[in-house]
N, C-alpha and C. Protein backbone atom coordinates (compact mmCIF):
# COMPACT_ATOMS: atom_id res chain seq x y z
N UNK A 1 4.55 2.67 3.42
CA UNK A 1 3.39 1.81 3.70
C UNK A 1 3.03 1.04 2.44
N UNK A 2 2.82 -0.25 2.57
CA UNK A 2 2.39 -1.07 1.44
C UNK A 2 0.87 -1.08 1.39
N UNK A 3 0.32 -0.72 0.22
CA UNK A 3 -1.12 -0.62 0.11
C UNK A 3 -1.71 -1.91 -0.45
N UNK A 4 -2.69 -2.45 0.25
CA UNK A 4 -3.50 -3.55 -0.25
C UNK A 4 -4.94 -3.11 -0.12
N UNK A 5 -5.66 -3.10 -1.23
CA UNK A 5 -7.01 -2.55 -1.19
C UNK A 5 -8.03 -3.57 -1.66
N UNK A 6 -9.28 -3.26 -1.35
CA UNK A 6 -10.39 -4.09 -1.79
C UNK A 6 -11.13 -3.43 -2.94
N UNK A 7 -10.57 -2.36 -3.53
CA UNK A 7 -11.25 -1.73 -4.64
C UNK A 7 -11.20 -2.64 -5.86
N UNK A 8 -12.20 -2.51 -6.71
CA UNK A 8 -12.21 -3.29 -7.95
C UNK A 8 -11.15 -2.75 -8.88
N UNK A 9 -10.45 -3.62 -9.64
CA UNK A 9 -9.46 -3.15 -10.59
C UNK A 9 -10.10 -2.22 -11.61
N UNK A 10 -9.30 -1.27 -12.11
CA UNK A 10 -9.80 -0.34 -13.12
C UNK A 10 -9.96 -1.00 -14.46
N UNK A 11 -9.31 -2.16 -14.66
CA UNK A 11 -9.44 -2.89 -15.92
C UNK A 11 -9.70 -4.35 -15.62
N UNK A 12 -10.71 -4.92 -16.21
CA UNK A 12 -11.00 -6.34 -16.05
C UNK A 12 -11.34 -6.92 -17.40
N UNK A 13 -11.12 -8.21 -17.55
CA UNK A 13 -11.39 -8.87 -18.82
C UNK A 13 -12.48 -9.89 -18.64
N UNK A 14 -13.49 -9.82 -19.48
CA UNK A 14 -14.56 -10.82 -19.46
C UNK A 14 -14.55 -11.53 -20.80
N UNK A 15 -13.87 -12.64 -20.88
CA UNK A 15 -13.69 -13.34 -22.15
C UNK A 15 -14.97 -14.06 -22.53
N UNK A 16 -15.32 -13.93 -23.81
CA UNK A 16 -16.46 -14.66 -24.35
C UNK A 16 -17.79 -14.12 -23.91
N UNK A 17 -17.83 -12.96 -23.28
CA UNK A 17 -19.07 -12.40 -22.79
C UNK A 17 -19.64 -11.43 -23.80
N UNK A 18 -20.90 -11.61 -24.19
CA UNK A 18 -21.52 -10.74 -25.18
C UNK A 18 -22.54 -9.82 -24.55
N UNK A 19 -22.52 -9.69 -23.24
CA UNK A 19 -23.48 -8.83 -22.56
C UNK A 19 -23.01 -7.40 -22.50
N UNK A 20 -23.60 -6.63 -21.56
CA UNK A 20 -23.30 -5.22 -21.45
C UNK A 20 -21.97 -5.03 -20.73
N UNK A 21 -21.24 -3.98 -21.14
CA UNK A 21 -19.98 -3.65 -20.50
C UNK A 21 -20.20 -2.52 -19.52
N UNK A 22 -19.47 -2.56 -18.41
CA UNK A 22 -19.52 -1.46 -17.46
C UNK A 22 -18.20 -0.73 -17.50
N UNK A 23 -18.19 0.47 -16.89
CA UNK A 23 -16.97 1.26 -16.93
C UNK A 23 -15.83 0.50 -16.29
N UNK A 24 -14.64 0.60 -16.90
CA UNK A 24 -13.47 -0.05 -16.34
C UNK A 24 -13.26 -1.45 -16.82
N UNK A 25 -14.02 -1.93 -17.81
CA UNK A 25 -13.85 -3.29 -18.30
C UNK A 25 -13.49 -3.30 -19.78
N UNK A 26 -12.79 -4.32 -20.16
CA UNK A 26 -12.56 -4.62 -21.57
C UNK A 26 -13.30 -5.90 -21.85
N UNK A 27 -14.19 -5.87 -22.81
CA UNK A 27 -15.06 -7.02 -23.05
C UNK A 27 -14.85 -7.55 -24.46
N UNK A 28 -14.64 -8.84 -24.55
CA UNK A 28 -14.52 -9.49 -25.84
C UNK A 28 -15.89 -9.47 -26.51
N UNK A 29 -15.97 -8.92 -27.70
CA UNK A 29 -17.23 -8.74 -28.40
C UNK A 29 -17.49 -9.91 -29.33
N UNK A 30 -18.20 -10.93 -28.83
CA UNK A 30 -18.58 -12.10 -29.61
C UNK A 30 -17.38 -12.79 -30.25
N UNK A 31 -16.22 -12.68 -29.63
CA UNK A 31 -15.06 -13.42 -30.08
C UNK A 31 -14.36 -12.86 -31.29
N UNK A 32 -14.84 -11.76 -31.87
CA UNK A 32 -14.21 -11.25 -33.09
C UNK A 32 -13.68 -9.84 -32.93
N UNK A 33 -13.79 -9.26 -31.77
CA UNK A 33 -13.28 -7.91 -31.56
C UNK A 33 -13.33 -7.56 -30.10
N UNK A 34 -12.82 -6.40 -29.75
CA UNK A 34 -12.81 -5.99 -28.35
C UNK A 34 -13.32 -4.57 -28.26
N UNK A 35 -14.27 -4.35 -27.40
CA UNK A 35 -14.80 -3.02 -27.18
C UNK A 35 -14.15 -2.42 -25.95
N UNK A 36 -13.57 -1.25 -26.08
CA UNK A 36 -12.88 -0.60 -24.97
C UNK A 36 -13.79 0.42 -24.31
N UNK A 37 -13.96 0.30 -23.01
CA UNK A 37 -14.75 1.26 -22.26
C UNK A 37 -13.97 1.69 -21.02
N UNK A 38 -12.68 1.94 -21.20
CA UNK A 38 -11.84 2.37 -20.10
C UNK A 38 -12.30 3.73 -19.58
N UNK A 39 -12.16 3.95 -18.29
CA UNK A 39 -12.52 5.22 -17.70
C UNK A 39 -11.28 5.94 -17.21
N UNK A 40 -11.30 7.28 -17.28
CA UNK A 40 -10.18 8.07 -16.77
C UNK A 40 -10.32 8.32 -15.28
N UNK A 41 -11.46 8.01 -14.71
CA UNK A 41 -11.69 8.24 -13.28
C UNK A 41 -11.00 7.16 -12.45
N UNK A 42 -10.33 7.53 -11.38
CA UNK A 42 -9.67 6.52 -10.56
C UNK A 42 -10.66 5.70 -9.75
N UNK A 43 -10.30 4.45 -9.49
CA UNK A 43 -11.06 3.65 -8.53
C UNK A 43 -10.83 4.23 -7.14
N UNK A 44 -11.81 4.11 -6.27
CA UNK A 44 -11.71 4.69 -4.93
C UNK A 44 -11.91 3.59 -3.89
N UNK A 45 -11.06 3.59 -2.87
CA UNK A 45 -11.19 2.56 -1.85
C UNK A 45 -10.39 2.88 -0.60
N UNK A 46 -10.46 1.96 0.35
CA UNK A 46 -9.75 2.08 1.62
C UNK A 46 -8.73 0.96 1.71
N UNK A 47 -7.45 1.27 1.85
CA UNK A 47 -6.45 0.21 1.97
C UNK A 47 -6.70 -0.66 3.20
N UNK A 48 -6.32 -1.92 3.08
CA UNK A 48 -6.47 -2.84 4.20
C UNK A 48 -5.80 -2.28 5.45
N UNK A 49 -6.45 -2.45 6.58
CA UNK A 49 -5.96 -2.11 7.92
C UNK A 49 -5.93 -0.61 8.21
N UNK A 50 -6.44 0.24 7.30
CA UNK A 50 -6.40 1.68 7.55
C UNK A 50 -7.80 2.27 7.74
N UNK A 51 -8.83 1.45 7.69
CA UNK A 51 -10.18 1.96 7.83
C UNK A 51 -10.65 2.05 9.27
N UNK A 52 -9.81 1.61 10.21
CA UNK A 52 -10.16 1.66 11.64
C UNK A 52 -8.97 2.17 12.43
N UNK A 53 -9.25 2.79 13.55
CA UNK A 53 -8.18 3.21 14.45
C UNK A 53 -8.62 2.94 15.87
N UNK A 54 -7.67 2.46 16.68
CA UNK A 54 -7.92 2.20 18.10
C UNK A 54 -6.93 3.03 18.90
N UNK A 55 -7.46 3.83 19.82
CA UNK A 55 -6.62 4.66 20.68
C UNK A 55 -6.66 4.07 22.09
N UNK A 56 -5.48 3.88 22.67
CA UNK A 56 -5.38 3.30 24.01
C UNK A 56 -5.05 4.37 25.04
N UNK A 57 -5.50 4.16 26.26
CA UNK A 57 -5.17 5.10 27.34
C UNK A 57 -3.66 5.15 27.55
N UNK A 58 -3.07 3.99 27.53
CA UNK A 58 -1.61 3.90 27.62
C UNK A 58 -1.11 3.20 26.35
N UNK A 59 -0.32 3.89 25.53
CA UNK A 59 0.12 3.31 24.25
C UNK A 59 0.88 2.00 24.39
N UNK A 60 1.48 1.78 25.53
CA UNK A 60 2.29 0.57 25.73
C UNK A 60 1.47 -0.62 26.22
N UNK A 61 0.15 -0.45 26.32
CA UNK A 61 -0.69 -1.55 26.79
C UNK A 61 -1.88 -1.72 25.85
N UNK A 62 -1.64 -2.32 24.69
CA UNK A 62 -2.70 -2.48 23.69
C UNK A 62 -3.64 -3.64 24.02
N UNK A 63 -4.40 -3.48 25.11
CA UNK A 63 -5.34 -4.52 25.53
C UNK A 63 -6.76 -3.97 25.44
N UNK A 64 -7.72 -4.88 25.44
CA UNK A 64 -9.12 -4.47 25.35
C UNK A 64 -9.51 -3.58 26.53
N UNK A 65 -9.04 -3.93 27.71
CA UNK A 65 -9.40 -3.17 28.91
C UNK A 65 -8.80 -1.76 28.89
N UNK A 66 -7.78 -1.56 28.07
CA UNK A 66 -7.09 -0.27 28.02
C UNK A 66 -7.55 0.61 26.86
N UNK A 67 -8.57 0.19 26.13
CA UNK A 67 -9.04 0.97 24.98
C UNK A 67 -9.70 2.27 25.45
N UNK A 68 -9.27 3.35 24.85
CA UNK A 68 -9.86 4.65 25.14
C UNK A 68 -10.95 4.99 24.13
N UNK A 69 -10.68 4.76 22.85
CA UNK A 69 -11.64 5.11 21.80
C UNK A 69 -11.34 4.30 20.54
N UNK A 70 -12.38 3.99 19.80
CA UNK A 70 -12.24 3.38 18.48
C UNK A 70 -13.00 4.22 17.47
N UNK A 71 -12.54 4.18 16.23
CA UNK A 71 -13.22 4.92 15.16
C UNK A 71 -13.07 4.15 13.86
N UNK A 72 -14.01 4.33 12.97
CA UNK A 72 -13.97 3.65 11.69
C UNK A 72 -14.49 4.55 10.59
N UNK A 73 -13.96 4.34 9.38
CA UNK A 73 -14.41 5.05 8.19
C UNK A 73 -15.47 4.19 7.51
N UNK A 74 -16.58 4.81 7.14
CA UNK A 74 -17.66 4.08 6.49
C UNK A 74 -18.34 4.96 5.46
N UNK A 75 -19.20 4.34 4.67
CA UNK A 75 -20.00 5.06 3.68
C UNK A 75 -19.14 5.88 2.72
N UNK A 76 -18.06 5.27 2.26
CA UNK A 76 -17.18 5.95 1.29
C UNK A 76 -17.86 5.98 -0.08
N UNK A 77 -17.93 7.16 -0.67
CA UNK A 77 -18.54 7.31 -1.98
C UNK A 77 -17.77 8.37 -2.74
N UNK A 78 -17.90 8.38 -4.06
CA UNK A 78 -17.07 9.30 -4.84
C UNK A 78 -17.83 9.85 -6.03
N UNK A 79 -17.36 11.00 -6.49
CA UNK A 79 -17.83 11.61 -7.73
C UNK A 79 -16.59 11.93 -8.56
N UNK A 80 -16.78 12.04 -9.87
CA UNK A 80 -15.64 12.27 -10.76
C UNK A 80 -16.06 13.19 -11.90
N UNK A 81 -15.23 14.17 -12.16
CA UNK A 81 -15.43 15.08 -13.28
C UNK A 81 -14.28 14.89 -14.26
N UNK A 82 -14.56 14.18 -15.36
CA UNK A 82 -13.51 13.89 -16.33
C UNK A 82 -13.69 14.72 -17.61
N UNK A 83 -14.25 15.91 -17.46
CA UNK A 83 -14.53 16.74 -18.63
C UNK A 83 -13.41 17.68 -19.03
N UNK A 84 -12.27 17.59 -18.36
CA UNK A 84 -11.15 18.47 -18.71
C UNK A 84 -9.86 17.68 -18.70
N UNK A 85 -8.75 18.36 -18.95
CA UNK A 85 -7.46 17.68 -19.00
C UNK A 85 -7.01 17.19 -17.62
N UNK A 86 -7.53 17.81 -16.57
CA UNK A 86 -7.28 17.35 -15.21
C UNK A 86 -8.56 16.69 -14.70
N UNK A 87 -8.51 15.40 -14.50
CA UNK A 87 -9.67 14.65 -14.02
C UNK A 87 -9.74 14.80 -12.51
N UNK A 88 -10.85 15.37 -12.03
CA UNK A 88 -10.99 15.62 -10.59
C UNK A 88 -11.95 14.61 -9.97
N UNK A 89 -11.50 13.96 -8.90
CA UNK A 89 -12.33 13.03 -8.14
C UNK A 89 -12.44 13.51 -6.71
N UNK A 90 -13.62 13.33 -6.14
CA UNK A 90 -13.83 13.72 -4.76
C UNK A 90 -14.50 12.57 -4.02
N UNK A 91 -13.95 12.23 -2.88
CA UNK A 91 -14.50 11.17 -2.05
C UNK A 91 -15.05 11.78 -0.77
N UNK A 92 -16.24 11.35 -0.38
CA UNK A 92 -16.82 11.75 0.90
C UNK A 92 -17.01 10.50 1.74
N UNK A 93 -16.91 10.65 3.04
CA UNK A 93 -17.04 9.49 3.91
C UNK A 93 -17.45 9.94 5.30
N UNK A 94 -17.92 8.99 6.08
CA UNK A 94 -18.32 9.25 7.46
C UNK A 94 -17.34 8.55 8.40
N UNK A 95 -17.17 9.14 9.56
CA UNK A 95 -16.36 8.54 10.61
C UNK A 95 -17.24 8.36 11.84
N UNK A 96 -17.32 7.13 12.33
CA UNK A 96 -18.09 6.82 13.53
C UNK A 96 -17.11 6.43 14.64
N UNK A 97 -17.27 7.05 15.79
CA UNK A 97 -16.36 6.79 16.90
C UNK A 97 -17.14 6.38 18.15
N UNK A 98 -16.45 5.66 19.00
CA UNK A 98 -17.04 5.21 20.27
C UNK A 98 -15.96 5.31 21.35
N UNK A 99 -16.31 5.90 22.47
CA UNK A 99 -15.34 6.04 23.56
C UNK A 99 -15.75 5.20 24.76
N UNK A 100 -14.77 4.86 25.57
CA UNK A 100 -15.03 4.00 26.72
C UNK A 100 -15.52 4.79 27.93
N UNK A 101 -14.95 5.98 28.13
CA UNK A 101 -15.31 6.81 29.28
C UNK A 101 -16.20 7.95 28.79
N UNK A 102 -17.45 7.95 29.22
CA UNK A 102 -18.41 8.94 28.69
C UNK A 102 -18.51 10.18 29.58
N UNK A 103 -17.66 10.31 30.56
CA UNK A 103 -17.73 11.46 31.45
C UNK A 103 -17.15 12.71 30.79
N UNK A 104 -17.93 13.79 30.80
CA UNK A 104 -17.47 15.06 30.28
C UNK A 104 -17.56 15.17 28.77
N UNK A 105 -17.64 16.41 28.30
CA UNK A 105 -17.60 16.67 26.85
C UNK A 105 -16.16 16.51 26.36
N UNK A 106 -16.02 16.07 25.11
CA UNK A 106 -14.68 15.81 24.59
C UNK A 106 -14.66 15.99 23.09
N UNK A 107 -13.59 16.59 22.60
CA UNK A 107 -13.39 16.76 21.15
C UNK A 107 -12.13 16.01 20.74
N UNK A 108 -12.23 15.21 19.70
CA UNK A 108 -11.11 14.40 19.22
C UNK A 108 -10.88 14.69 17.74
N UNK A 109 -9.64 14.92 17.37
CA UNK A 109 -9.29 15.15 15.96
C UNK A 109 -8.43 13.98 15.48
N UNK A 110 -8.86 13.36 14.39
CA UNK A 110 -8.13 12.22 13.82
C UNK A 110 -7.61 12.57 12.43
N UNK A 111 -6.35 12.25 12.15
CA UNK A 111 -5.81 12.53 10.81
C UNK A 111 -6.16 11.41 9.83
N UNK A 112 -6.39 11.77 8.59
CA UNK A 112 -6.60 10.79 7.53
C UNK A 112 -5.78 11.19 6.31
N UNK A 113 -5.52 10.24 5.45
CA UNK A 113 -4.75 10.52 4.24
C UNK A 113 -5.60 10.27 3.01
N UNK A 114 -5.21 10.92 1.92
CA UNK A 114 -5.73 10.60 0.59
C UNK A 114 -4.52 10.46 -0.32
N UNK A 115 -4.39 9.29 -0.90
CA UNK A 115 -3.23 8.96 -1.73
C UNK A 115 -3.71 8.55 -3.13
N UNK A 116 -2.99 9.02 -4.13
CA UNK A 116 -3.26 8.60 -5.51
C UNK A 116 -2.15 7.67 -5.94
N UNK A 117 -2.51 6.46 -6.35
CA UNK A 117 -1.56 5.47 -6.84
C UNK A 117 -1.72 5.30 -8.34
N UNK A 118 -0.61 5.10 -9.03
CA UNK A 118 -0.63 4.78 -10.45
C UNK A 118 -0.04 3.39 -10.63
N UNK A 119 -0.73 2.57 -11.41
CA UNK A 119 -0.23 1.23 -11.69
C UNK A 119 -0.19 0.33 -10.48
N UNK A 120 -0.95 0.66 -9.44
CA UNK A 120 -1.04 -0.21 -8.27
C UNK A 120 0.04 -0.03 -7.24
N UNK A 121 1.09 0.77 -7.53
CA UNK A 121 2.18 0.88 -6.55
C UNK A 121 2.85 2.24 -6.50
N UNK A 122 2.87 2.99 -7.59
CA UNK A 122 3.58 4.27 -7.63
C UNK A 122 2.73 5.37 -7.00
N UNK A 123 3.25 5.98 -5.94
CA UNK A 123 2.54 7.06 -5.26
C UNK A 123 2.69 8.34 -6.06
N UNK A 124 1.58 8.87 -6.54
CA UNK A 124 1.59 10.12 -7.31
C UNK A 124 1.48 11.31 -6.38
N UNK A 125 0.52 11.27 -5.48
CA UNK A 125 0.36 12.33 -4.47
C UNK A 125 -0.12 11.71 -3.17
N UNK A 126 0.16 12.42 -2.08
CA UNK A 126 -0.39 12.04 -0.78
C UNK A 126 -0.62 13.31 0.02
N UNK A 127 -1.83 13.44 0.55
CA UNK A 127 -2.18 14.59 1.37
C UNK A 127 -2.80 14.11 2.68
N UNK A 128 -2.64 14.93 3.71
CA UNK A 128 -3.18 14.62 5.03
C UNK A 128 -4.29 15.60 5.36
N UNK A 129 -5.42 15.06 5.83
CA UNK A 129 -6.52 15.89 6.29
C UNK A 129 -6.87 15.53 7.72
N UNK A 130 -7.84 16.22 8.27
CA UNK A 130 -8.26 15.95 9.65
C UNK A 130 -9.78 15.94 9.74
N UNK A 131 -10.29 15.08 10.60
CA UNK A 131 -11.72 15.05 10.89
C UNK A 131 -11.90 15.16 12.40
N UNK A 132 -12.81 16.03 12.81
CA UNK A 132 -13.02 16.30 14.23
C UNK A 132 -14.36 15.74 14.70
N UNK A 133 -14.32 15.03 15.81
CA UNK A 133 -15.53 14.44 16.40
C UNK A 133 -15.76 15.07 17.77
N UNK A 134 -17.02 15.34 18.07
CA UNK A 134 -17.36 15.97 19.35
C UNK A 134 -18.32 15.07 20.14
N UNK A 135 -17.88 14.68 21.33
CA UNK A 135 -18.71 13.89 22.25
C UNK A 135 -19.34 14.83 23.28
N UNK A 136 -20.63 14.75 23.45
CA UNK A 136 -21.28 15.50 24.52
C UNK A 136 -21.10 14.74 25.83
N UNK A 137 -21.28 15.44 26.93
CA UNK A 137 -21.17 14.80 28.24
C UNK A 137 -22.15 13.64 28.33
N UNK A 138 -21.66 12.47 28.69
CA UNK A 138 -22.49 11.28 28.82
C UNK A 138 -22.73 10.55 27.50
N UNK A 139 -22.21 11.09 26.41
CA UNK A 139 -22.42 10.48 25.09
C UNK A 139 -21.30 9.51 24.77
N UNK A 140 -21.69 8.28 24.40
CA UNK A 140 -20.70 7.25 24.08
C UNK A 140 -20.21 7.34 22.64
N UNK A 141 -21.10 7.75 21.72
CA UNK A 141 -20.78 7.74 20.30
C UNK A 141 -20.79 9.14 19.70
N UNK A 142 -19.99 9.30 18.63
CA UNK A 142 -19.96 10.55 17.88
C UNK A 142 -19.68 10.23 16.43
N UNK A 143 -20.17 11.10 15.56
CA UNK A 143 -19.97 10.91 14.12
C UNK A 143 -19.61 12.23 13.47
N UNK A 144 -18.92 12.14 12.34
CA UNK A 144 -18.57 13.32 11.56
C UNK A 144 -18.39 12.91 10.12
N UNK A 145 -18.47 13.87 9.23
CA UNK A 145 -18.26 13.60 7.80
C UNK A 145 -17.03 14.36 7.32
N UNK A 146 -16.38 13.83 6.31
CA UNK A 146 -15.19 14.47 5.75
C UNK A 146 -15.13 14.19 4.26
N UNK A 147 -14.23 14.88 3.58
CA UNK A 147 -14.08 14.65 2.15
C UNK A 147 -12.62 14.83 1.75
N UNK A 148 -12.29 14.26 0.60
CA UNK A 148 -10.93 14.35 0.08
C UNK A 148 -11.01 14.39 -1.44
N UNK A 149 -10.14 15.16 -2.06
CA UNK A 149 -10.15 15.28 -3.51
C UNK A 149 -8.78 15.04 -4.12
N UNK A 150 -8.77 14.74 -5.40
CA UNK A 150 -7.50 14.53 -6.10
C UNK A 150 -7.66 14.81 -7.58
N UNK A 151 -6.52 15.12 -8.23
CA UNK A 151 -6.49 15.35 -9.67
C UNK A 151 -5.61 14.28 -10.33
N UNK A 152 -6.02 13.86 -11.51
CA UNK A 152 -5.25 12.92 -12.33
C UNK A 152 -5.16 13.49 -13.74
N UNK A 153 -3.98 13.44 -14.33
CA UNK A 153 -3.83 13.90 -15.71
C UNK A 153 -4.57 12.97 -16.66
N UNK A 154 -5.43 13.56 -17.49
CA UNK A 154 -6.18 12.73 -18.43
C UNK A 154 -5.23 11.97 -19.36
N UNK A 155 -4.16 12.62 -19.79
CA UNK A 155 -3.23 11.97 -20.71
C UNK A 155 -2.61 10.73 -20.08
N UNK A 156 -2.30 10.83 -18.78
CA UNK A 156 -1.68 9.69 -18.09
C UNK A 156 -2.65 8.56 -17.87
N UNK A 157 -3.96 8.87 -17.79
CA UNK A 157 -4.96 7.84 -17.53
C UNK A 157 -5.61 7.31 -18.81
N UNK A 158 -5.08 7.69 -19.96
CA UNK A 158 -5.63 7.25 -21.25
C UNK A 158 -4.61 6.38 -21.97
N UNK A 159 -5.10 5.36 -22.65
CA UNK A 159 -4.22 4.49 -23.42
C UNK A 159 -3.67 5.22 -24.63
N UNK A 160 -2.40 4.99 -24.97
CA UNK A 160 -1.87 5.53 -26.21
C UNK A 160 -2.70 5.05 -27.39
N UNK A 161 -2.78 5.86 -28.42
CA UNK A 161 -3.66 5.54 -29.54
C UNK A 161 -3.28 4.23 -30.21
N UNK A 162 -1.98 3.94 -30.32
CA UNK A 162 -1.58 2.71 -30.99
C UNK A 162 -2.00 1.48 -30.18
N UNK A 163 -1.93 1.57 -28.84
CA UNK A 163 -2.36 0.47 -27.99
C UNK A 163 -3.87 0.32 -28.05
N UNK A 164 -4.59 1.43 -28.01
CA UNK A 164 -6.05 1.37 -28.09
C UNK A 164 -6.51 0.74 -29.40
N UNK A 165 -5.84 1.14 -30.51
CA UNK A 165 -6.21 0.59 -31.82
C UNK A 165 -5.92 -0.91 -31.86
N UNK A 166 -4.83 -1.30 -31.24
CA UNK A 166 -4.46 -2.72 -31.23
C UNK A 166 -5.48 -3.54 -30.45
N UNK A 167 -6.02 -2.98 -29.37
CA UNK A 167 -6.99 -3.68 -28.56
C UNK A 167 -8.35 -3.74 -29.23
N UNK A 168 -8.77 -2.62 -29.79
CA UNK A 168 -10.15 -2.51 -30.30
C UNK A 168 -10.30 -2.92 -31.76
N UNK A 169 -9.21 -3.22 -32.42
CA UNK A 169 -9.28 -3.60 -33.84
C UNK A 169 -10.19 -4.81 -34.02
N UNK A 170 -11.16 -4.71 -34.93
CA UNK A 170 -12.06 -5.83 -35.19
C UNK A 170 -11.33 -6.89 -36.01
N UNK A 171 -11.44 -8.11 -35.57
CA UNK A 171 -10.75 -9.22 -36.21
C UNK A 171 -11.77 -10.18 -36.83
N UNK A 172 -11.55 -10.52 -38.04
CA UNK A 172 -12.46 -11.43 -38.73
C UNK A 172 -12.06 -12.88 -38.46
N UNK A 173 -13.05 -13.76 -38.38
CA UNK A 173 -12.72 -15.19 -38.22
C UNK A 173 -11.81 -15.65 -39.36
N UNK A 174 -10.76 -16.36 -39.00
CA UNK A 174 -9.81 -16.83 -39.99
C UNK A 174 -8.56 -16.00 -40.07
N UNK A 175 -8.61 -14.74 -39.60
CA UNK A 175 -7.40 -13.91 -39.57
C UNK A 175 -6.40 -14.52 -38.60
N UNK A 176 -5.11 -14.44 -38.94
CA UNK A 176 -4.09 -15.01 -38.04
C UNK A 176 -4.15 -14.44 -36.63
N UNK A 177 -4.54 -13.16 -36.51
CA UNK A 177 -4.58 -12.52 -35.19
C UNK A 177 -5.87 -12.80 -34.43
N UNK A 178 -6.85 -13.41 -35.12
CA UNK A 178 -8.15 -13.61 -34.49
C UNK A 178 -8.06 -14.52 -33.27
N UNK A 179 -7.11 -15.45 -33.28
CA UNK A 179 -6.99 -16.40 -32.17
C UNK A 179 -6.07 -15.89 -31.06
N UNK A 180 -5.49 -14.69 -31.26
CA UNK A 180 -4.56 -14.14 -30.27
C UNK A 180 -5.27 -13.11 -29.39
N UNK A 181 -5.01 -13.19 -28.14
CA UNK A 181 -5.57 -12.23 -27.20
C UNK A 181 -4.63 -11.03 -27.11
N UNK A 182 -5.04 -9.86 -27.62
CA UNK A 182 -4.14 -8.70 -27.58
C UNK A 182 -3.80 -8.26 -26.17
N UNK A 183 -4.67 -8.58 -25.21
CA UNK A 183 -4.40 -8.18 -23.83
C UNK A 183 -3.29 -9.00 -23.18
N UNK A 184 -2.91 -10.11 -23.84
CA UNK A 184 -1.86 -10.96 -23.29
C UNK A 184 -0.48 -10.44 -23.63
N UNK A 185 -0.39 -9.52 -24.60
CA UNK A 185 0.91 -8.99 -25.01
C UNK A 185 1.52 -8.17 -23.87
N UNK A 186 2.78 -8.38 -23.52
CA UNK A 186 3.40 -7.67 -22.40
C UNK A 186 3.31 -6.15 -22.52
N UNK A 187 3.51 -5.63 -23.74
CA UNK A 187 3.47 -4.18 -23.89
C UNK A 187 2.07 -3.62 -23.70
N UNK A 188 1.04 -4.42 -24.04
CA UNK A 188 -0.33 -3.99 -23.82
C UNK A 188 -0.66 -4.03 -22.33
N UNK A 189 -0.25 -5.10 -21.66
CA UNK A 189 -0.46 -5.20 -20.21
C UNK A 189 0.18 -4.03 -19.48
N UNK A 190 1.41 -3.69 -19.89
CA UNK A 190 2.13 -2.60 -19.23
C UNK A 190 1.44 -1.27 -19.47
N UNK A 191 0.95 -1.05 -20.70
CA UNK A 191 0.27 0.21 -21.02
C UNK A 191 -1.02 0.34 -20.22
N UNK A 192 -1.78 -0.74 -20.10
CA UNK A 192 -3.01 -0.71 -19.33
C UNK A 192 -2.72 -0.44 -17.86
N UNK A 193 -1.69 -1.08 -17.32
CA UNK A 193 -1.33 -0.88 -15.91
C UNK A 193 -0.98 0.57 -15.63
N UNK A 194 -0.29 1.22 -16.58
CA UNK A 194 0.11 2.62 -16.37
C UNK A 194 -1.09 3.56 -16.33
N UNK A 195 -2.20 3.18 -16.96
CA UNK A 195 -3.37 4.06 -16.98
C UNK A 195 -4.28 3.82 -15.76
N UNK A 196 -3.94 2.85 -14.95
CA UNK A 196 -4.77 2.52 -13.79
C UNK A 196 -4.41 3.40 -12.60
N UNK A 197 -5.37 4.21 -12.17
CA UNK A 197 -5.19 5.07 -11.00
C UNK A 197 -6.18 4.68 -9.91
N UNK A 198 -5.75 4.87 -8.67
CA UNK A 198 -6.60 4.62 -7.52
C UNK A 198 -6.49 5.80 -6.56
N UNK A 199 -7.60 6.22 -6.01
CA UNK A 199 -7.59 7.21 -4.93
C UNK A 199 -7.95 6.48 -3.65
N UNK A 200 -7.01 6.43 -2.72
CA UNK A 200 -7.16 5.65 -1.50
C UNK A 200 -7.28 6.57 -0.29
N UNK A 201 -8.22 6.25 0.57
CA UNK A 201 -8.49 7.05 1.76
C UNK A 201 -8.42 6.16 2.99
N UNK A 202 -7.77 6.63 4.04
CA UNK A 202 -7.69 5.86 5.28
C UNK A 202 -7.17 6.70 6.41
N UNK A 203 -7.21 6.18 7.63
CA UNK A 203 -6.65 6.89 8.77
C UNK A 203 -5.12 6.93 8.64
N UNK A 204 -4.54 8.05 9.02
CA UNK A 204 -3.09 8.17 9.07
C UNK A 204 -2.63 7.56 10.40
N UNK A 205 -2.20 6.32 10.34
CA UNK A 205 -1.90 5.56 11.55
C UNK A 205 -0.42 5.58 11.88
N UNK A 206 -0.13 5.41 13.16
CA UNK A 206 1.25 5.18 13.58
C UNK A 206 1.62 3.73 13.24
N UNK A 207 2.90 3.42 13.31
CA UNK A 207 3.34 2.04 13.05
C UNK A 207 2.69 1.07 14.03
N UNK A 208 2.56 1.49 15.29
CA UNK A 208 1.95 0.62 16.29
C UNK A 208 0.46 0.40 15.99
N UNK A 209 -0.23 1.46 15.59
CA UNK A 209 -1.65 1.34 15.29
C UNK A 209 -1.88 0.45 14.07
N UNK A 210 -1.03 0.59 13.07
CA UNK A 210 -1.15 -0.24 11.87
C UNK A 210 -0.88 -1.70 12.21
N UNK A 211 0.14 -1.95 13.03
CA UNK A 211 0.46 -3.32 13.43
C UNK A 211 -0.69 -3.94 14.23
N UNK A 212 -1.30 -3.15 15.09
CA UNK A 212 -2.42 -3.65 15.89
C UNK A 212 -3.58 -4.05 14.97
N UNK A 213 -3.90 -3.22 13.97
CA UNK A 213 -4.97 -3.54 13.04
C UNK A 213 -4.67 -4.80 12.25
N UNK A 214 -3.41 -5.00 11.91
CA UNK A 214 -3.03 -6.14 11.07
C UNK A 214 -3.03 -7.45 11.83
N UNK A 215 -2.94 -7.39 13.15
CA UNK A 215 -2.81 -8.64 13.93
C UNK A 215 -4.01 -8.94 14.79
N UNK A 216 -4.96 -8.06 14.92
CA UNK A 216 -6.08 -8.32 15.82
C UNK A 216 -7.04 -9.33 15.23
């Protein structure tokens, strides 16, 4: 599966900005130096087309009239403990579902995944969880909450000391390096990319379900 997410990048550059820096940004400090405030905590988000699932009464008839149930992931939030060599992040989220036929009580279990990506593409881990929703007789909607956790090696999410020193070194006006952007160097870009981790959560969809989400 190719992941495309709406999460904010773990590293961003704000050139010429002398204001406050937030976690995950590299900010040029008044044009003469760079302050590094990289975080070891992964960005958390939902990959495109995986935050919703549509179940049809007949899988071979993906029409509106044939919809059995729809569900969506919402209210995704995360906490992170980066106080040890293993950085632990936990995401909690809600699942809201709606069914077409409200007759009888019904319990539905939906699978979801939690994937850790490094550098935007390398899958480090992937786990599958389940969330169960219970509809009462005559009830159209149901909700449930779920959570997912992951570990990231602090060493892998931290810049090497030589790269960090190269980025944060204060440069005086007139120095030959003062006019050069250290973040433009290929080796610096590559090092920063390797420290970027994302924890992605979404429904574990079939190929048909994913295709339906991508084309509707």
